Amino acid sequence: MKATIKTQGRQFTVQEGDILFVNRYPETQNGDTVTIDTVLSVGEGSEVQFGQPTVEGASVTARILENKRGTKVVVFKKKRRKGYENKRGHRQELSVIKIESINN
């Protein structure tokens, strides 16, 4: 069974057993269980249910495998012949989650 969910500001189409990299869930540890209630569609084939905007009573259960930081993104700004250079870096906080069950 497939489901389209919205979590941490992004949409994903998932099945049981999928592993996703999402923005970090606040105040969670490795091994915690997260319930995602924002399910936009659920089902497969002719059995698909679409929500308006969400499917009532549907939820997805996921387990947090790891909280980590993403790769470094370097932001470099320069104005030529002016002596202006600005270099900054950013690492996004991520949660690695595994989809355990999809509930109608």
N, C-alpha and C. Protein backbone atom coordinates (compact mmCIF):
# COMPACT_ATOMS: atom_id res chain seq x y z
N MET A 1 0.83 -1.17 0.00
CA MET A 1 0.00 0.00 0.00
C MET A 1 0.89 1.25 0.00
N LYS A 2 0.50 2.25 -0.76
CA LYS A 2 1.24 3.49 -0.84
C LYS A 2 0.46 4.61 -0.17
N ALA A 3 1.19 5.62 0.27
CA ALA A 3 0.56 6.79 0.85
C ALA A 3 1.39 8.01 0.48
N THR A 4 0.72 9.13 0.26
CA THR A 4 1.39 10.40 0.05
C THR A 4 1.21 11.20 1.33
N ILE A 5 2.35 11.56 1.95
CA ILE A 5 2.31 12.25 3.23
C ILE A 5 2.97 13.61 3.10
N LYS A 6 2.64 14.48 4.04
CA LYS A 6 3.31 15.77 4.13
C LYS A 6 3.90 15.86 5.53
N THR A 7 5.22 16.00 5.60
CA THR A 7 5.90 16.10 6.88
C THR A 7 7.10 17.02 6.74
N GLN A 8 7.31 17.82 7.76
CA GLN A 8 8.44 18.73 7.82
C GLN A 8 8.52 19.64 6.60
N GLY A 9 7.37 20.04 6.05
CA GLY A 9 7.33 20.98 4.95
C GLY A 9 7.53 20.38 3.58
N ARG A 10 7.59 19.06 3.47
CA ARG A 10 7.80 18.39 2.18
C ARG A 10 6.81 17.26 2.01
N GLN A 11 6.55 16.87 0.75
CA GLN A 11 5.64 15.77 0.46
C GLN A 11 6.43 14.57 -0.05
N PHE A 12 6.01 13.38 0.38
CA PHE A 12 6.66 12.14 -0.01
C PHE A 12 5.59 11.10 -0.33
N THR A 13 5.85 10.26 -1.33
CA THR A 13 5.03 9.09 -1.58
C THR A 13 5.82 7.90 -1.04
N VAL A 14 5.22 7.18 -0.07
CA VAL A 14 5.96 6.17 0.67
C VAL A 14 5.23 4.84 0.67
N GLN A 15 6.00 3.78 0.93
CA GLN A 15 5.49 2.44 1.19
C GLN A 15 6.09 1.98 2.51
N GLU A 16 5.60 0.88 3.03
CA GLU A 16 6.19 0.33 4.25
C GLU A 16 7.62 -0.11 3.97
N GLY A 17 8.52 0.24 4.86
CA GLY A 17 9.93 -0.13 4.71
C GLY A 17 10.78 0.94 4.05
N ASP A 18 10.19 2.02 3.54
CA ASP A 18 10.97 3.09 2.91
C ASP A 18 11.77 3.86 3.96
N ILE A 19 12.94 4.35 3.56
CA ILE A 19 13.79 5.16 4.43
C ILE A 19 13.88 6.55 3.82
N LEU A 20 13.60 7.57 4.63
CA LEU A 20 13.56 8.96 4.16
C LEU A 20 14.51 9.82 4.98
N PHE A 21 15.03 10.87 4.33
CA PHE A 21 15.79 11.91 4.99
C PHE A 21 14.90 13.15 5.03
N VAL A 22 14.49 13.56 6.23
CA VAL A 22 13.60 14.72 6.39
C VAL A 22 14.25 15.70 7.35
N ASN A 23 13.73 16.93 7.38
CA ASN A 23 14.20 17.89 8.37
C ASN A 23 13.97 17.33 9.77
N ARG A 24 14.86 17.65 10.69
CA ARG A 24 14.86 17.02 12.00
C ARG A 24 13.56 17.28 12.76
N TYR A 25 13.05 16.20 13.37
CA TYR A 25 11.92 16.32 14.28
C TYR A 25 12.46 16.86 15.60
N PRO A 26 11.88 17.92 16.13
CA PRO A 26 12.41 18.49 17.37
C PRO A 26 12.16 17.57 18.56
N GLU A 27 13.12 17.56 19.47
CA GLU A 27 13.03 16.83 20.74
C GLU A 27 12.76 15.34 20.55
N THR A 28 13.46 14.71 19.61
CA THR A 28 13.34 13.27 19.42
C THR A 28 14.73 12.63 19.53
N GLN A 29 14.73 11.35 19.86
CA GLN A 29 15.96 10.58 19.97
C GLN A 29 15.92 9.43 18.99
N ASN A 30 17.06 8.77 18.79
CA ASN A 30 17.11 7.59 17.95
C ASN A 30 16.21 6.51 18.53
N GLY A 31 15.40 5.87 17.68
CA GLY A 31 14.51 4.81 18.13
C GLY A 31 13.11 5.28 18.48
N ASP A 32 12.87 6.58 18.54
CA ASP A 32 11.53 7.08 18.85
C ASP A 32 10.58 6.81 17.70
N THR A 33 9.29 6.74 18.00
CA THR A 33 8.25 6.52 17.00
C THR A 33 7.51 7.83 16.77
N VAL A 34 7.29 8.15 15.48
CA VAL A 34 6.60 9.37 15.09
C VAL A 34 5.36 8.98 14.31
N THR A 35 4.22 9.61 14.63
CA THR A 35 2.99 9.39 13.89
C THR A 35 2.73 10.60 13.01
N ILE A 36 2.56 10.36 11.71
CA ILE A 36 2.31 11.43 10.75
C ILE A 36 0.84 11.37 10.38
N ASP A 37 0.09 12.42 10.73
CA ASP A 37 -1.35 12.45 10.49
C ASP A 37 -1.74 13.17 9.21
N THR A 38 -0.81 13.86 8.57
CA THR A 38 -1.11 14.61 7.36
C THR A 38 -0.92 13.68 6.16
N VAL A 39 -1.93 12.86 5.88
CA VAL A 39 -1.90 11.91 4.78
C VAL A 39 -2.77 12.47 3.66
N LEU A 40 -2.16 12.74 2.51
CA LEU A 40 -2.88 13.37 1.40
C LEU A 40 -3.61 12.35 0.54
N SER A 41 -3.04 11.16 0.38
CA SER A 41 -3.71 10.08 -0.35
C SER A 41 -3.19 8.76 0.18
N VAL A 42 -4.04 7.72 0.05
CA VAL A 42 -3.65 6.41 0.54
C VAL A 42 -4.29 5.35 -0.34
N GLY A 43 -3.58 4.23 -0.58
CA GLY A 43 -4.11 3.13 -1.38
C GLY A 43 -3.32 2.92 -2.66
N GLU A 44 -3.75 1.89 -3.41
CA GLU A 44 -3.10 1.56 -4.68
C GLU A 44 -4.16 1.18 -5.70
N GLY A 45 -3.86 1.41 -6.97
CA GLY A 45 -4.76 1.00 -8.04
C GLY A 45 -6.10 1.71 -7.98
N SER A 46 -7.17 0.91 -8.02
CA SER A 46 -8.51 1.49 -7.99
C SER A 46 -8.99 1.77 -6.57
N GLU A 47 -8.19 1.41 -5.58
CA GLU A 47 -8.56 1.59 -4.17
C GLU A 47 -7.98 2.87 -3.57
N VAL A 48 -7.58 3.83 -4.39
CA VAL A 48 -6.94 5.05 -3.89
C VAL A 48 -7.98 5.99 -3.30
N GLN A 49 -7.66 6.53 -2.13
CA GLN A 49 -8.50 7.55 -1.50
C GLN A 49 -7.71 8.85 -1.48
N PHE A 50 -8.34 9.93 -1.95
CA PHE A 50 -7.71 11.24 -1.94
C PHE A 50 -8.39 12.10 -0.89
N GLY A 51 -7.60 12.85 -0.16
CA GLY A 51 -8.14 13.72 0.86
C GLY A 51 -8.44 15.11 0.34
N GLN A 52 -9.24 15.84 1.11
CA GLN A 52 -9.56 17.21 0.73
C GLN A 52 -9.38 18.12 1.92
N PRO A 53 -8.21 18.50 2.36
CA PRO A 53 -6.90 18.20 1.80
C PRO A 53 -6.27 16.91 2.35
N THR A 54 -6.77 16.36 3.49
CA THR A 54 -6.18 15.15 4.03
C THR A 54 -7.23 14.06 4.16
N VAL A 55 -6.76 12.82 4.22
CA VAL A 55 -7.65 11.68 4.41
C VAL A 55 -7.92 11.54 5.91
N GLU A 56 -9.19 11.60 6.30
CA GLU A 56 -9.53 11.52 7.71
C GLU A 56 -9.32 10.10 8.24
N GLY A 57 -8.72 10.02 9.41
CA GLY A 57 -8.50 8.73 10.05
C GLY A 57 -7.26 8.00 9.57
N ALA A 58 -6.59 8.49 8.55
CA ALA A 58 -5.39 7.83 8.05
C ALA A 58 -4.16 8.39 8.74
N SER A 59 -3.18 7.52 8.97
CA SER A 59 -1.93 7.95 9.58
C SER A 59 -0.81 7.02 9.13
N VAL A 60 0.40 7.51 9.28
CA VAL A 60 1.59 6.74 8.94
C VAL A 60 2.49 6.73 10.17
N THR A 61 2.98 5.56 10.54
CA THR A 61 3.87 5.43 11.68
C THR A 61 5.29 5.23 11.18
N ALA A 62 6.22 6.02 11.73
CA ALA A 62 7.62 5.94 11.31
C ALA A 62 8.52 5.88 12.54
N ARG A 63 9.66 5.22 12.39
CA ARG A 63 10.65 5.14 13.47
C ARG A 63 11.87 5.94 13.07
N ILE A 64 12.39 6.72 14.01
CA ILE A 64 13.58 7.53 13.75
C ILE A 64 14.81 6.64 13.91
N LEU A 65 15.53 6.46 12.82
CA LEU A 65 16.74 5.64 12.86
C LEU A 65 17.93 6.44 13.36
N GLU A 66 18.01 7.73 12.96
CA GLU A 66 19.19 8.51 13.29
C GLU A 66 18.86 9.99 13.15
N ASN A 67 19.39 10.81 14.05
CA ASN A 67 19.39 12.26 13.90
C ASN A 67 20.81 12.66 13.55
N LYS A 68 20.97 13.37 12.45
CA LYS A 68 22.32 13.73 12.02
C LYS A 68 22.30 15.06 11.30
N ARG A 69 23.44 15.46 10.80
CA ARG A 69 23.57 16.69 10.04
C ARG A 69 23.93 16.35 8.60
N GLY A 70 23.39 17.12 7.67
CA GLY A 70 23.64 16.89 6.25
C GLY A 70 25.02 17.39 5.84
N THR A 71 25.28 17.30 4.54
CA THR A 71 26.56 17.76 4.03
C THR A 71 26.62 19.28 4.06
N LYS A 72 27.84 19.80 4.10
CA LYS A 72 28.03 21.25 4.20
C LYS A 72 27.77 21.90 2.85
N VAL A 73 27.00 22.98 2.89
CA VAL A 73 26.74 23.81 1.72
C VAL A 73 27.48 25.12 1.95
N VAL A 74 28.36 25.48 1.02
CA VAL A 74 29.14 26.71 1.14
C VAL A 74 28.47 27.81 0.34
N VAL A 75 28.23 28.94 1.01
CA VAL A 75 27.65 30.11 0.35
C VAL A 75 28.77 31.14 0.25
N PHE A 76 29.20 31.45 -0.96
CA PHE A 76 30.30 32.38 -1.17
C PHE A 76 29.82 33.53 -2.02
N LYS A 77 29.95 34.74 -1.49
CA LYS A 77 29.55 35.95 -2.21
C LYS A 77 30.80 36.78 -2.46
N LYS A 78 30.86 37.37 -3.66
CA LYS A 78 32.02 38.19 -4.00
C LYS A 78 31.58 39.27 -4.97
N LYS A 79 32.14 40.46 -4.77
CA LYS A 79 31.95 41.53 -5.74
C LYS A 79 33.34 41.87 -6.28
N ARG A 80 33.52 41.65 -7.55
CA ARG A 80 34.86 41.81 -8.11
C ARG A 80 35.30 43.27 -8.08
N ARG A 81 36.59 43.42 -7.90
CA ARG A 81 37.27 44.71 -7.87
C ARG A 81 36.83 45.61 -6.72
N LYS A 82 36.09 45.09 -5.77
CA LYS A 82 35.64 45.91 -4.63
C LYS A 82 36.23 45.43 -3.31
N GLY A 83 36.88 44.29 -3.32
CA GLY A 83 37.46 43.76 -2.10
C GLY A 83 36.45 43.11 -1.16
N TYR A 84 35.25 42.81 -1.68
CA TYR A 84 34.19 42.22 -0.86
C TYR A 84 34.13 40.73 -1.09
N GLU A 85 34.32 39.96 -0.02
CA GLU A 85 34.14 38.52 -0.06
C GLU A 85 33.45 38.10 1.23
N ASN A 86 32.49 37.20 1.12
CA ASN A 86 31.76 36.70 2.28
C ASN A 86 31.57 35.20 2.09
N LYS A 87 32.08 34.42 3.02
CA LYS A 87 31.97 32.97 2.93
C LYS A 87 31.27 32.45 4.17
N ARG A 88 30.19 31.71 3.95
CA ARG A 88 29.43 31.12 5.03
C ARG A 88 29.14 29.68 4.69
N GLY A 89 28.95 28.88 5.72
CA GLY A 89 28.60 27.48 5.53
C GLY A 89 27.31 27.16 6.26
N HIS A 90 26.66 26.09 5.81
CA HIS A 90 25.41 25.67 6.44
C HIS A 90 25.33 24.16 6.38
N ARG A 91 24.91 23.55 7.50
CA ARG A 91 24.64 22.12 7.54
C ARG A 91 23.23 21.94 8.09
N GLN A 92 22.38 21.27 7.31
CA GLN A 92 20.98 21.08 7.69
C GLN A 92 20.87 19.95 8.71
N GLU A 93 20.04 20.15 9.72
CA GLU A 93 19.75 19.12 10.71
C GLU A 93 18.74 18.14 10.10
N LEU A 94 19.04 16.85 10.07
CA LEU A 94 18.20 15.85 9.41
C LEU A 94 17.81 14.73 10.37
N SER A 95 16.67 14.11 10.08
CA SER A 95 16.27 12.88 10.74
C SER A 95 16.13 11.82 9.66
N VAL A 96 16.68 10.64 9.91
CA VAL A 96 16.52 9.50 9.01
C VAL A 96 15.40 8.66 9.59
N ILE A 97 14.29 8.51 8.82
CA ILE A 97 13.14 7.78 9.33
C ILE A 97 12.84 6.57 8.44
N LYS A 98 12.28 5.55 9.05
CA LYS A 98 11.85 4.35 8.33
C LYS A 98 10.34 4.20 8.52
N ILE A 99 9.62 4.06 7.42
CA ILE A 99 8.16 3.92 7.47
C ILE A 99 7.83 2.51 7.93
N GLU A 100 7.10 2.39 9.05
CA GLU A 100 6.77 1.08 9.59
C GLU A 100 5.38 0.61 9.21
N SER A 101 4.38 1.50 9.24
CA SER A 101 3.03 1.06 8.90
C SER A 101 2.21 2.21 8.34
N ILE A 102 1.26 1.85 7.48
CA ILE A 102 0.32 2.81 6.91
C ILE A 102 -1.07 2.37 7.35
N ASN A 103 -1.77 3.25 8.07
CA ASN A 103 -3.07 2.91 8.65
C ASN A 103 -4.16 3.71 7.95
N ASN A 104 -5.25 3.01 7.56
CA ASN A 104 -6.38 3.71 6.94
C ASN A 104 -7.22 4.28 8.01
